[in-house]
Every structure is written in structure tokens, then in C-alpha cells.
Amino acid sequence: MNVTPAESRQWNQGCVLLNFYDKHDVWHLLSALALYFSFMFLMCLDDDIVDKNQNEIPVF
């Protein structure tokens, strides 16, 4: 959607975090953190079996 800068400024909301970030900025910050920690969780799932042989790992 292409809008002019003046039209875009009309949609701005009041600041809610540190008197600088609006709700949309906070949404981006929180979603970035959620993505980061989701991938970190997935990377750490199998850390406890990294030194086991494949045939020693019970599956189902």
C-alpha cells in the first residue's frame, strides 16, 4: 500500500514504551524476541543426547 508520508503520520499512535515507541513498534520488538527464543528452544532440544550413539536413543 503506497501512501504519502503525511497520510502515514495520521495513523501514528501515542507512545506507550519509554515515551518513544508506539504499539506497532512494541509489537515488532516482541515478535522478534518470540522468534529468537523459539529458535533457541528448538536448537537446545537435543543438547542432552549430543554425545549418545544413534542406536542408544529411544524413539517412541
PDB file of N, CA and C in Angstrom:
ATOM      1  N   MET A   1       0.854  -1.169   0.000  1.00  0.00           N
ATOM      2  CA  MET A   1       0.000   0.000   0.000  1.00  0.00           C
ATOM      3  C   MET A   1       0.903   1.235   0.000  1.00  0.00           C
ATOM      4  N   ASN A   2       0.791   2.056  -0.972  1.00  0.00           N
ATOM      5  CA  ASN A   2       1.604   3.260  -1.081  1.00  0.00           C
ATOM      6  C   ASN A   2       0.812   4.462  -0.587  1.00  0.00           C
ATOM      7  N   VAL A   3       1.330   5.092   0.447  1.00  0.00           N
ATOM      8  CA  VAL A   3       0.710   6.307   0.963  1.00  0.00           C
ATOM      9  C   VAL A   3       1.793   7.365   1.104  1.00  0.00           C
ATOM     10  N   THR A   4       1.361   8.583   1.139  1.00  0.00           N
ATOM     11  CA  THR A   4       2.321   9.674   1.306  1.00  0.00           C
ATOM     12  C   THR A   4       2.764   9.733   2.774  1.00  0.00           C
ATOM     13  N   PRO A   5       3.904  10.356   3.059  1.00  0.00           N
ATOM     14  CA  PRO A   5       4.343  10.495   4.452  1.00  0.00           C
ATOM     15  C   PRO A   5       3.312  11.219   5.324  1.00  0.00           C
ATOM     16  N   ALA A   6       2.612  12.184   4.758  1.00  0.00           N
ATOM     17  CA  ALA A   6       1.600  12.906   5.534  1.00  0.00           C
ATOM     18  C   ALA A   6       0.457  11.976   5.929  1.00  0.00           C
ATOM     19  N   GLU A   7       0.034  11.109   5.011  1.00  0.00           N
ATOM     20  CA  GLU A   7      -1.025  10.153   5.326  1.00  0.00           C
ATOM     21  C   GLU A   7      -0.552   9.125   6.356  1.00  0.00           C
ATOM     22  N   SER A   8       0.680   8.717   6.236  1.00  0.00           N
ATOM     23  CA  SER A   8       1.234   7.756   7.181  1.00  0.00           C
ATOM     24  C   SER A   8       1.294   8.332   8.599  1.00  0.00           C
ATOM     25  N   ARG A   9       1.635   9.598   8.711  1.00  0.00           N
ATOM     26  CA  ARG A   9       1.718  10.236  10.038  1.00  0.00           C
ATOM     27  C   ARG A   9       0.366  10.299  10.724  1.00  0.00           C
ATOM     28  N   GLN A  10      -0.705  10.334   9.952  1.00  0.00           N
ATOM     29  CA  GLN A  10      -2.043  10.376  10.550  1.00  0.00           C
ATOM     30  C   GLN A  10      -2.365   9.081  11.288  1.00  0.00           C
ATOM     31  N   TRP A  11      -1.741   7.974  10.886  1.00  0.00           N
ATOM     32  CA  TRP A  11      -2.008   6.676  11.509  1.00  0.00           C
ATOM     33  C   TRP A  11      -1.141   6.431  12.733  1.00  0.00           C
ATOM     34  N   ASN A  12      -0.181   7.287  12.998  1.00  0.00           N
ATOM     35  CA  ASN A  12       0.693   7.097  14.160  1.00  0.00           C
ATOM     36  C   ASN A  12      -0.116   7.132  15.446  1.00  0.00           C
ATOM     37  N   GLN A  13       0.309   6.321  16.411  1.00  0.00           N
ATOM     38  CA  GLN A  13      -0.348   6.266  17.703  1.00  0.00           C
ATOM     39  C   GLN A  13       0.557   6.900  18.746  1.00  0.00           C
ATOM     40  N   GLY A  14      -0.003   7.092  19.926  1.00  0.00           N
ATOM     41  CA  GLY A  14       0.781   7.651  21.014  1.00  0.00           C
ATOM     42  C   GLY A  14       1.837   6.677  21.512  1.00  0.00           C
ATOM     43  N   CYS A  15       2.856   7.206  22.119  1.00  0.00           N
ATOM     44  CA  CYS A  15       3.950   6.386  22.630  1.00  0.00           C
ATOM     45  C   CYS A  15       3.510   5.653  23.892  1.00  0.00           C
ATOM     46  N   VAL A  16       3.892   4.374  23.990  1.00  0.00           N
ATOM     47  CA  VAL A  16       3.499   3.571  25.145  1.00  0.00           C
ATOM     48  C   VAL A  16       4.691   2.996  25.889  1.00  0.00           C
ATOM     49  N   LEU A  17       5.861   2.991  25.295  1.00  0.00           N
ATOM     50  CA  LEU A  17       7.045   2.404  25.923  1.00  0.00           C
ATOM     51  C   LEU A  17       8.190   3.407  25.889  1.00  0.00           C
ATOM     52  N   LEU A  18       8.665   3.765  27.058  1.00  0.00           N
ATOM     53  CA  LEU A  18       9.790   4.692  27.197  1.00  0.00           C
ATOM     54  C   LEU A  18       9.511   6.045  26.539  1.00  0.00           C
ATOM     55  N   ASN A  19       8.259   6.355  26.398  1.00  0.00           N
ATOM     56  CA  ASN A  19       7.840   7.623  25.788  1.00  0.00           C
ATOM     57  C   ASN A  19       8.467   7.816  24.402  1.00  0.00           C
ATOM     58  N   PHE A  20       8.679   6.687  23.698  1.00  0.00           N
ATOM     59  CA  PHE A  20       9.304   6.743  22.375  1.00  0.00           C
ATOM     60  C   PHE A  20       8.647   5.777  21.391  1.00  0.00           C
ATOM     61  N   TYR A  21       8.355   4.532  21.832  1.00  0.00           N
ATOM     62  CA  TYR A  21       7.827   3.503  20.944  1.00  0.00           C
ATOM     63  C   TYR A  21       6.303   3.446  21.008  1.00  0.00           C
ATOM     64  N   ASP A  22       5.663   3.336  19.840  1.00  0.00           N
ATOM     65  CA  ASP A  22       4.210   3.162  19.824  1.00  0.00           C
ATOM     66  C   ASP A  22       3.882   1.667  19.841  1.00  0.00           C
ATOM     67  N   LYS A  23       2.589   1.347  19.799  1.00  0.00           N
ATOM     68  CA  LYS A  23       2.160  -0.052  19.924  1.00  0.00           C
ATOM     69  C   LYS A  23       2.691  -0.918  18.787  1.00  0.00           C
ATOM     70  N   HIS A  24       2.767  -0.375  17.605  1.00  0.00           N
ATOM     71  CA  HIS A  24       3.254  -1.150  16.467  1.00  0.00           C
ATOM     72  C   HIS A  24       4.740  -1.476  16.626  1.00  0.00           C
ATOM     73  N   ASP A  25       5.530  -0.528  17.130  1.00  0.00           N
ATOM     74  CA  ASP A  25       6.947  -0.779  17.382  1.00  0.00           C
ATOM     75  C   ASP A  25       7.124  -1.850  18.449  1.00  0.00           C
ATOM     76  N   VAL A  26       6.318  -1.778  19.507  1.00  0.00           N
ATOM     77  CA  VAL A  26       6.387  -2.769  20.580  1.00  0.00           C
ATOM     78  C   VAL A  26       6.029  -4.144  20.028  1.00  0.00           C
ATOM     79  N   TRP A  27       5.043  -4.211  19.149  1.00  0.00           N
ATOM     80  CA  TRP A  27       4.669  -5.477  18.520  1.00  0.00           C
ATOM     81  C   TRP A  27       5.844  -6.069  17.761  1.00  0.00           C
ATOM     82  N   HIS A  28       6.580  -5.251  17.013  1.00  0.00           N
ATOM     83  CA  HIS A  28       7.747  -5.745  16.276  1.00  0.00           C
ATOM     84  C   HIS A  28       8.833  -6.224  17.227  1.00  0.00           C
ATOM     85  N   LEU A  29       9.082  -5.495  18.293  1.00  0.00           N
ATOM     86  CA  LEU A  29      10.104  -5.914  19.260  1.00  0.00           C
ATOM     87  C   LEU A  29       9.731  -7.239  19.915  1.00  0.00           C
ATOM     88  N   LEU A  30       8.491  -7.383  20.334  1.00  0.00           N
ATOM     89  CA  LEU A  30       8.059  -8.611  20.992  1.00  0.00           C
ATOM     90  C   LEU A  30       8.046  -9.796  20.032  1.00  0.00           C
ATOM     91  N   SER A  31       7.632  -9.579  18.805  1.00  0.00           N
ATOM     92  CA  SER A  31       7.619 -10.688  17.852  1.00  0.00           C
ATOM     93  C   SER A  31       9.045 -11.115  17.497  1.00  0.00           C
ATOM     94  N   ALA A  32       9.970 -10.165  17.421  1.00  0.00           N
ATOM     95  CA  ALA A  32      11.367 -10.520  17.160  1.00  0.00           C
ATOM     96  C   ALA A  32      11.929 -11.352  18.311  1.00  0.00           C
ATOM     97  N   LEU A  33      11.621 -10.970  19.537  1.00  0.00           N
ATOM     98  CA  LEU A  33      12.074 -11.753  20.692  1.00  0.00           C
ATOM     99  C   LEU A  33      11.445 -13.144  20.694  1.00  0.00           C
ATOM    100  N   ALA A  34      10.173 -13.229  20.362  1.00  0.00           N
ATOM    101  CA  ALA A  34       9.498 -14.527  20.326  1.00  0.00           C
ATOM    102  C   ALA A  34      10.126 -15.436  19.273  1.00  0.00           C
ATOM    103  N   LEU A  35      10.421 -14.905  18.107  1.00  0.00           N
ATOM    104  CA  LEU A  35      11.074 -15.706  17.074  1.00  0.00           C
ATOM    105  C   LEU A  35      12.453 -16.174  17.527  1.00  0.00           C
ATOM    106  N   TYR A  36      13.222 -15.276  18.120  1.00  0.00           N
ATOM    107  CA  TYR A  36      14.568 -15.618  18.586  1.00  0.00           C
ATOM    108  C   TYR A  36      14.507 -16.745  19.614  1.00  0.00           C
ATOM    109  N   PHE A  37      13.672 -16.602  20.639  1.00  0.00           N
ATOM    110  CA  PHE A  37      13.625 -17.608  21.687  1.00  0.00           C
ATOM    111  C   PHE A  37      12.992 -18.912  21.207  1.00  0.00           C
ATOM    112  N   SER A  38      12.107 -18.854  20.234  1.00  0.00           N
ATOM    113  CA  SER A  38      11.557 -20.085  19.660  1.00  0.00           C
ATOM    114  C   SER A  38      12.659 -20.892  18.973  1.00  0.00           C
ATOM    115  N   PHE A  39      13.476 -20.224  18.182  1.00  0.00           N
ATOM    116  CA  PHE A  39      14.563 -20.925  17.510  1.00  0.00           C
ATOM    117  C   PHE A  39      15.627 -21.386  18.501  1.00  0.00           C
ATOM    118  N   MET A  40      15.897 -20.605  19.524  1.00  0.00           N
ATOM    119  CA  MET A  40      16.855 -21.047  20.543  1.00  0.00           C
ATOM    120  C   MET A  40      16.346 -22.295  21.256  1.00  0.00           C
ATOM    121  N   PHE A  41      15.051 -22.340  21.540  1.00  0.00           N
ATOM    122  CA  PHE A  41      14.461 -23.517  22.169  1.00  0.00           C
ATOM    123  C   PHE A  41      14.616 -24.732  21.263  1.00  0.00           C
ATOM    124  N   LEU A  42      14.314 -24.575  19.974  1.00  0.00           N
ATOM    125  CA  LEU A  42      14.443 -25.694  19.046  1.00  0.00           C
ATOM    126  C   LEU A  42      15.887 -26.164  18.924  1.00  0.00           C
ATOM    127  N   MET A  43      16.830 -25.252  18.972  1.00  0.00           N
ATOM    128  CA  MET A  43      18.234 -25.627  18.877  1.00  0.00           C
ATOM    129  C   MET A  43      18.702 -26.383  20.111  1.00  0.00           C
ATOM    130  N   CYS A  44      18.101 -26.111  21.254  1.00  0.00           N
ATOM    131  CA  CYS A  44      18.549 -26.719  22.508  1.00  0.00           C
ATOM    132  C   CYS A  44      17.803 -28.004  22.863  1.00  0.00           C
ATOM    133  N   LEU A  45      16.806 -28.382  22.098  1.00  0.00           N
ATOM    134  CA  LEU A  45      16.002 -29.561  22.438  1.00  0.00           C
ATOM    135  C   LEU A  45      16.838 -30.830  22.580  1.00  0.00           C
ATOM    136  N   ASP A  46      17.759 -31.062  21.696  1.00  0.00           N
ATOM    137  CA  ASP A  46      18.521 -32.309  21.686  1.00  0.00           C
ATOM    138  C   ASP A  46      19.913 -32.177  22.279  1.00  0.00           C
ATOM    139  N   ASP A  47      20.175 -31.160  23.035  1.00  0.00           N
ATOM    140  CA  ASP A  47      21.507 -30.973  23.595  1.00  0.00           C
ATOM    141  C   ASP A  47      21.915 -32.084  24.555  1.00  0.00           C
ATOM    142  N   ASP A  48      20.946 -32.702  25.224  1.00  0.00           N
ATOM    143  CA  ASP A  48      21.308 -33.730  26.194  1.00  0.00           C
ATOM    144  C   ASP A  48      21.664 -35.066  25.553  1.00  0.00           C
ATOM    145  N   ILE A  49      21.416 -35.235  24.266  1.00  0.00           N
ATOM    146  CA  ILE A  49      21.742 -36.502  23.603  1.00  0.00           C
ATOM    147  C   ILE A  49      22.823 -36.336  22.543  1.00  0.00           C
ATOM    148  N   VAL A  50      23.530 -35.254  22.594  1.00  0.00           N
ATOM    149  CA  VAL A  50      24.527 -34.986  21.556  1.00  0.00           C
ATOM    150  C   VAL A  50      25.679 -36.006  21.597  1.00  0.00           C
ATOM    151  N   ASP A  51      25.991 -36.543  22.771  1.00  0.00           N
ATOM    152  CA  ASP A  51      27.117 -37.477  22.903  1.00  0.00           C
ATOM    153  C   ASP A  51      26.696 -38.939  22.853  1.00  0.00           C
ATOM    154  N   LYS A  52      25.432 -39.244  22.649  1.00  0.00           N
ATOM    155  CA  LYS A  52      24.964 -40.626  22.593  1.00  0.00           C
ATOM    156  C   LYS A  52      25.024 -41.158  21.169  1.00  0.00           C
ATOM    157  N   ASN A  53      25.246 -42.464  21.073  1.00  0.00           N
ATOM    158  CA  ASN A  53      25.185 -43.106  19.766  1.00  0.00           C
ATOM    159  C   ASN A  53      23.736 -43.154  19.303  1.00  0.00           C
ATOM    160  N   GLN A  54      23.550 -43.154  18.014  1.00  0.00           N
ATOM    161  CA  GLN A  54      22.196 -43.103  17.467  1.00  0.00           C
ATOM    162  C   GLN A  54      21.367 -44.326  17.867  1.00  0.00           C
ATOM    163  N   ASN A  55      22.001 -45.475  17.982  1.00  0.00           N
ATOM    164  CA  ASN A  55      21.254 -46.680  18.335  1.00  0.00           C
ATOM    165  C   ASN A  55      20.893 -46.729  19.829  1.00  0.00           C
ATOM    166  N   GLU A  56      21.438 -45.834  20.645  1.00  0.00           N
ATOM    167  CA  GLU A  56      21.111 -45.781  22.080  1.00  0.00           C
ATOM    168  C   GLU A  56      19.967 -44.818  22.389  1.00  0.00           C
ATOM    169  N   ILE A  57      19.493 -44.113  21.396  1.00  0.00           N
ATOM    170  CA  ILE A  57      18.448 -43.105  21.607  1.00  0.00           C
ATOM    171  C   ILE A  57      17.089 -43.762  21.408  1.00  0.00           C
ATOM    172  N   PRO A  58      16.278 -43.818  22.465  1.00  0.00           N
ATOM    173  CA  PRO A  58      14.951 -44.415  22.304  1.00  0.00           C
ATOM    174  C   PRO A  58      14.018 -43.474  21.524  1.00  0.00           C
ATOM    175  N   VAL A  59      13.355 -44.051  20.542  1.00  0.00           N
ATOM    176  CA  VAL A  59      12.408 -43.278  19.751  1.00  0.00           C
ATOM    177  C   VAL A  59      11.065 -43.977  19.833  1.00  0.00           C
ATOM    178  N   PHE A  60      10.114 -43.325  20.426  1.00  0.00           N
ATOM    179  CA  PHE A  60       8.755 -43.850  20.622  1.00  0.00           C
ATOM    180  C   PHE A  60       8.784 -45.018  21.562  1.00  0.00           C
TER     181      PHE A  60
END
